[in-house]
N, C-alpha and C. Protein backbone atom coordinates (compact mmCIF):
# COMPACT_ATOMS: atom_id res chain seq x y z
N MET A 1 -6.07 23.82 -11.04
CA MET A 1 -6.24 22.59 -11.80
C MET A 1 -6.24 21.41 -10.84
N ALA A 2 -7.22 20.59 -10.89
CA ALA A 2 -7.31 19.42 -10.03
C ALA A 2 -6.47 18.28 -10.61
N THR A 3 -6.06 17.40 -9.74
CA THR A 3 -5.30 16.23 -10.15
C THR A 3 -6.20 15.25 -10.91
N THR A 4 -5.68 14.68 -11.97
CA THR A 4 -6.45 13.70 -12.73
C THR A 4 -6.42 12.35 -12.04
N LYS A 5 -7.46 11.56 -12.27
CA LYS A 5 -7.51 10.22 -11.69
C LYS A 5 -6.42 9.34 -12.28
N ASP A 6 -6.07 9.56 -13.53
CA ASP A 6 -4.98 8.79 -14.15
C ASP A 6 -3.66 9.04 -13.44
N TYR A 7 -3.38 10.30 -13.10
CA TYR A 7 -2.13 10.61 -12.40
C TYR A 7 -2.16 10.02 -11.00
N ARG A 8 -3.30 10.13 -10.31
CA ARG A 8 -3.44 9.51 -8.99
C ARG A 8 -3.16 8.01 -9.07
N ASP A 9 -3.76 7.35 -10.03
CA ASP A 9 -3.56 5.91 -10.19
C ASP A 9 -2.10 5.58 -10.47
N PHE A 10 -1.43 6.41 -11.28
CA PHE A 10 -0.02 6.20 -11.58
C PHE A 10 0.82 6.31 -10.31
N ILE A 11 0.58 7.32 -9.50
CA ILE A 11 1.34 7.49 -8.26
C ILE A 11 1.09 6.32 -7.31
N LEU A 12 -0.14 5.90 -7.18
CA LEU A 12 -0.44 4.76 -6.31
C LEU A 12 0.23 3.50 -6.81
N GLU A 13 0.31 3.34 -8.11
CA GLU A 13 1.02 2.19 -8.68
C GLU A 13 2.51 2.26 -8.36
N GLN A 14 3.07 3.46 -8.43
CA GLN A 14 4.49 3.64 -8.11
C GLN A 14 4.77 3.35 -6.63
N LEU A 15 3.78 3.57 -5.78
CA LEU A 15 3.94 3.35 -4.34
C LEU A 15 3.59 1.93 -3.92
N ASN A 16 3.33 1.05 -4.88
CA ASN A 16 2.86 -0.29 -4.52
C ASN A 16 3.92 -1.17 -3.86
N LEU A 17 5.17 -0.71 -3.76
CA LEU A 17 6.19 -1.44 -3.02
C LEU A 17 5.94 -1.35 -1.51
N LEU A 18 5.08 -0.42 -1.11
CA LEU A 18 4.75 -0.23 0.30
C LEU A 18 3.35 -0.75 0.58
N ASP A 19 3.23 -1.54 1.63
CA ASP A 19 1.91 -1.95 2.08
C ASP A 19 1.29 -0.80 2.86
N ASN A 20 0.00 -0.80 2.99
CA ASN A 20 -0.72 0.15 3.83
C ASN A 20 -0.66 1.60 3.35
N ILE A 21 -0.56 1.81 2.04
CA ILE A 21 -0.71 3.16 1.48
C ILE A 21 -2.20 3.40 1.27
N THR A 22 -2.69 4.51 1.76
CA THR A 22 -4.08 4.88 1.51
C THR A 22 -4.12 6.28 0.92
N CYS A 23 -5.17 6.53 0.19
CA CYS A 23 -5.34 7.79 -0.52
C CYS A 23 -6.75 8.29 -0.25
N LYS A 24 -6.84 9.54 0.20
CA LYS A 24 -8.15 10.13 0.47
C LYS A 24 -8.34 11.38 -0.38
N SER A 25 -9.49 11.46 -1.02
CA SER A 25 -9.80 12.59 -1.86
C SER A 25 -10.13 13.81 -1.01
N MET A 26 -9.62 14.98 -1.45
CA MET A 26 -9.91 16.22 -0.75
C MET A 26 -9.95 17.37 -1.75
N MET A 27 -11.15 17.81 -2.09
CA MET A 27 -11.35 18.97 -2.94
C MET A 27 -10.58 18.88 -4.26
N GLY A 28 -10.66 17.75 -4.94
CA GLY A 28 -10.00 17.59 -6.23
C GLY A 28 -8.56 17.15 -6.15
N GLU A 29 -8.03 17.05 -4.95
CA GLU A 29 -6.66 16.61 -4.75
C GLU A 29 -6.70 15.36 -3.87
N TYR A 30 -5.52 14.83 -3.51
CA TYR A 30 -5.48 13.57 -2.77
C TYR A 30 -4.44 13.62 -1.66
N LEU A 31 -4.85 13.20 -0.46
CA LEU A 31 -3.93 13.07 0.67
C LEU A 31 -3.42 11.64 0.70
N LEU A 32 -2.13 11.49 1.00
CA LEU A 32 -1.51 10.17 1.02
C LEU A 32 -1.07 9.81 2.44
N TYR A 33 -1.37 8.59 2.82
CA TYR A 33 -1.04 8.07 4.14
C TYR A 33 -0.26 6.77 4.01
N TYR A 34 0.68 6.57 4.92
CA TYR A 34 1.37 5.30 5.06
C TYR A 34 1.21 4.87 6.51
N ASN A 35 0.61 3.71 6.73
CA ASN A 35 0.32 3.24 8.09
C ASN A 35 -0.41 4.31 8.90
N ASP A 36 -1.39 4.95 8.28
CA ASP A 36 -2.21 6.00 8.89
C ASP A 36 -1.44 7.28 9.22
N ILE A 37 -0.26 7.47 8.67
CA ILE A 37 0.54 8.68 8.86
C ILE A 37 0.42 9.52 7.59
N LEU A 38 -0.10 10.72 7.72
CA LEU A 38 -0.20 11.63 6.58
C LEU A 38 1.20 12.12 6.23
N PHE A 39 1.71 11.69 5.09
CA PHE A 39 3.08 12.05 4.71
C PHE A 39 3.13 13.00 3.52
N GLY A 40 2.05 13.14 2.78
CA GLY A 40 2.07 14.01 1.61
C GLY A 40 0.77 13.96 0.85
N GLY A 41 0.85 14.37 -0.40
CA GLY A 41 -0.36 14.38 -1.21
C GLY A 41 -0.04 14.59 -2.67
N ILE A 42 -1.09 14.50 -3.45
CA ILE A 42 -1.00 14.73 -4.88
C ILE A 42 -1.79 16.01 -5.15
N TYR A 43 -1.09 17.03 -5.61
CA TYR A 43 -1.68 18.35 -5.84
C TYR A 43 -1.35 18.81 -7.25
N ASP A 44 -2.36 19.10 -8.04
CA ASP A 44 -2.16 19.58 -9.42
C ASP A 44 -1.20 18.67 -10.19
N ASN A 45 -1.43 17.37 -10.11
CA ASN A 45 -0.60 16.37 -10.80
C ASN A 45 0.87 16.45 -10.38
N ARG A 46 1.10 16.71 -9.10
CA ARG A 46 2.45 16.73 -8.53
C ARG A 46 2.42 15.94 -7.23
N LEU A 47 3.43 15.10 -7.01
CA LEU A 47 3.57 14.39 -5.75
C LEU A 47 4.41 15.24 -4.80
N LEU A 48 3.83 15.59 -3.66
CA LEU A 48 4.51 16.40 -2.66
C LEU A 48 4.54 15.64 -1.33
N VAL A 49 5.65 15.78 -0.60
CA VAL A 49 5.77 15.18 0.72
C VAL A 49 6.12 16.26 1.73
N LYS A 50 5.76 16.00 2.99
CA LYS A 50 6.06 16.95 4.05
C LYS A 50 7.58 17.09 4.20
N ILE A 51 8.00 18.26 4.61
CA ILE A 51 9.42 18.53 4.83
C ILE A 51 9.78 18.11 6.25
N VAL A 52 10.71 17.17 6.36
CA VAL A 52 11.23 16.72 7.65
C VAL A 52 12.75 16.57 7.52
N ASP A 53 13.44 16.48 8.65
CA ASP A 53 14.90 16.39 8.61
C ASP A 53 15.41 15.21 7.80
N SER A 54 14.78 14.06 7.94
CA SER A 54 15.32 12.86 7.31
C SER A 54 15.13 12.80 5.80
N ASN A 55 14.29 13.66 5.22
CA ASN A 55 14.16 13.61 3.76
C ASN A 55 14.89 14.77 3.07
N LYS A 56 15.59 15.59 3.83
CA LYS A 56 16.34 16.69 3.23
C LYS A 56 17.50 16.18 2.38
N LYS A 57 17.99 14.97 2.68
CA LYS A 57 19.13 14.41 1.95
C LYS A 57 18.83 14.14 0.48
N TYR A 58 17.56 14.13 0.11
CA TYR A 58 17.19 13.88 -1.29
C TYR A 58 17.24 15.14 -2.15
N ASN A 59 17.52 16.28 -1.53
CA ASN A 59 17.67 17.56 -2.25
C ASN A 59 16.49 17.86 -3.17
N MET A 60 15.30 17.70 -2.64
CA MET A 60 14.10 17.99 -3.42
C MET A 60 13.78 19.48 -3.36
N GLN A 61 13.11 19.96 -4.36
CA GLN A 61 12.73 21.36 -4.46
C GLN A 61 11.47 21.61 -3.61
N GLU A 62 11.45 22.74 -2.92
CA GLU A 62 10.25 23.12 -2.18
C GLU A 62 9.17 23.61 -3.15
N SER A 63 7.94 23.30 -2.79
CA SER A 63 6.81 23.71 -3.63
C SER A 63 5.60 23.94 -2.72
N ILE A 64 4.73 24.84 -3.13
CA ILE A 64 3.51 25.13 -2.37
C ILE A 64 2.38 24.30 -2.98
N PRO A 65 1.73 23.46 -2.16
CA PRO A 65 0.66 22.61 -2.71
C PRO A 65 -0.58 23.40 -3.16
N TYR A 66 -0.92 24.43 -2.41
CA TYR A 66 -2.07 25.28 -2.73
C TYR A 66 -1.88 26.60 -1.99
N GLU A 67 -2.62 27.60 -2.38
CA GLU A 67 -2.48 28.94 -1.81
C GLU A 67 -2.60 28.90 -0.29
N SER A 68 -1.72 29.58 0.39
CA SER A 68 -1.64 29.74 1.85
C SER A 68 -1.22 28.47 2.60
N ALA A 69 -0.73 27.46 1.89
CA ALA A 69 -0.25 26.24 2.54
C ALA A 69 1.24 26.35 2.84
N LYS A 70 1.69 25.51 3.76
CA LYS A 70 3.12 25.43 4.06
C LYS A 70 3.82 24.76 2.89
N PRO A 71 5.09 25.12 2.67
CA PRO A 71 5.84 24.46 1.60
C PRO A 71 6.01 22.96 1.88
N MET A 72 6.11 22.22 0.82
CA MET A 72 6.37 20.79 0.88
C MET A 72 7.47 20.50 -0.14
N TYR A 73 7.98 19.27 -0.12
CA TYR A 73 8.96 18.87 -1.12
C TYR A 73 8.28 18.25 -2.33
N LEU A 74 8.71 18.67 -3.51
CA LEU A 74 8.24 18.11 -4.76
C LEU A 74 9.08 16.89 -5.10
N VAL A 75 8.43 15.74 -5.23
CA VAL A 75 9.13 14.51 -5.61
C VAL A 75 9.10 14.45 -7.14
N ASP A 76 10.24 14.70 -7.74
CA ASP A 76 10.26 14.70 -9.21
C ASP A 76 10.82 13.40 -9.79
N ASN A 77 11.34 12.53 -8.94
CA ASN A 77 11.89 11.25 -9.40
C ASN A 77 10.86 10.15 -9.13
N ILE A 78 9.68 10.28 -9.70
CA ILE A 78 8.60 9.33 -9.39
C ILE A 78 8.71 8.03 -10.16
N ASP A 79 9.61 7.96 -11.13
CA ASP A 79 9.75 6.73 -11.90
C ASP A 79 10.60 5.68 -11.18
N ASN A 80 11.41 6.09 -10.23
CA ASN A 80 12.26 5.16 -9.49
C ASN A 80 11.55 4.72 -8.21
N GLN A 81 10.93 3.54 -8.25
CA GLN A 81 10.12 3.08 -7.13
C GLN A 81 10.94 2.89 -5.86
N ASP A 82 12.19 2.46 -5.99
CA ASP A 82 13.02 2.22 -4.80
C ASP A 82 13.31 3.52 -4.06
N ILE A 83 13.65 4.57 -4.80
CA ILE A 83 13.90 5.87 -4.17
C ILE A 83 12.60 6.43 -3.60
N LEU A 84 11.53 6.30 -4.34
CA LEU A 84 10.23 6.78 -3.87
C LEU A 84 9.84 6.10 -2.57
N LYS A 85 10.03 4.81 -2.49
CA LYS A 85 9.75 4.05 -1.26
C LYS A 85 10.58 4.59 -0.11
N GLN A 86 11.87 4.84 -0.34
CA GLN A 86 12.75 5.31 0.72
C GLN A 86 12.37 6.71 1.17
N ILE A 87 11.96 7.56 0.24
CA ILE A 87 11.51 8.91 0.60
C ILE A 87 10.31 8.83 1.54
N VAL A 88 9.34 7.97 1.22
CA VAL A 88 8.15 7.83 2.06
C VAL A 88 8.53 7.28 3.44
N LEU A 89 9.37 6.26 3.48
CA LEU A 89 9.78 5.68 4.77
C LEU A 89 10.53 6.70 5.62
N ASP A 90 11.45 7.44 5.01
CA ASP A 90 12.21 8.45 5.76
C ASP A 90 11.29 9.57 6.25
N THR A 91 10.36 9.99 5.42
CA THR A 91 9.44 11.06 5.82
C THR A 91 8.59 10.60 7.00
N CYS A 92 8.03 9.42 6.91
CA CYS A 92 7.16 8.91 7.99
C CYS A 92 7.93 8.66 9.27
N LYS A 93 9.18 8.27 9.15
CA LYS A 93 10.00 8.02 10.34
C LYS A 93 10.06 9.27 11.22
N ASP A 94 10.24 10.41 10.61
CA ASP A 94 10.31 11.66 11.37
C ASP A 94 8.93 12.14 11.85
N LEU A 95 7.90 11.76 11.15
CA LEU A 95 6.56 12.24 11.51
C LEU A 95 5.98 11.52 12.74
N VAL A 96 6.52 10.38 13.12
CA VAL A 96 6.01 9.66 14.28
C VAL A 96 6.79 9.96 15.55
N LYS A 97 7.78 10.81 15.48
CA LYS A 97 8.59 11.15 16.68
C LYS A 97 7.77 11.96 17.65
């Protein structure tokens, strides 16, 4: 099942506390970037972020974005923009090391 444009728009609206968020379409799904850092994506109407040390403190559930992919963290608290912002910042912090 591909992600709907409505869900994509909702996630982008939730991420609007961060400048420089970009979204690229890929085979019915969407890759998410912050300051040109690929930190996650929207897969089957689910927001997933890469697993890094600094985002483990959020106790998110692991999920597979698509068949044969590495596990990622499922962000299930998408209504809280402040926590969502912090998850993205913490994830990207580890990805630039």
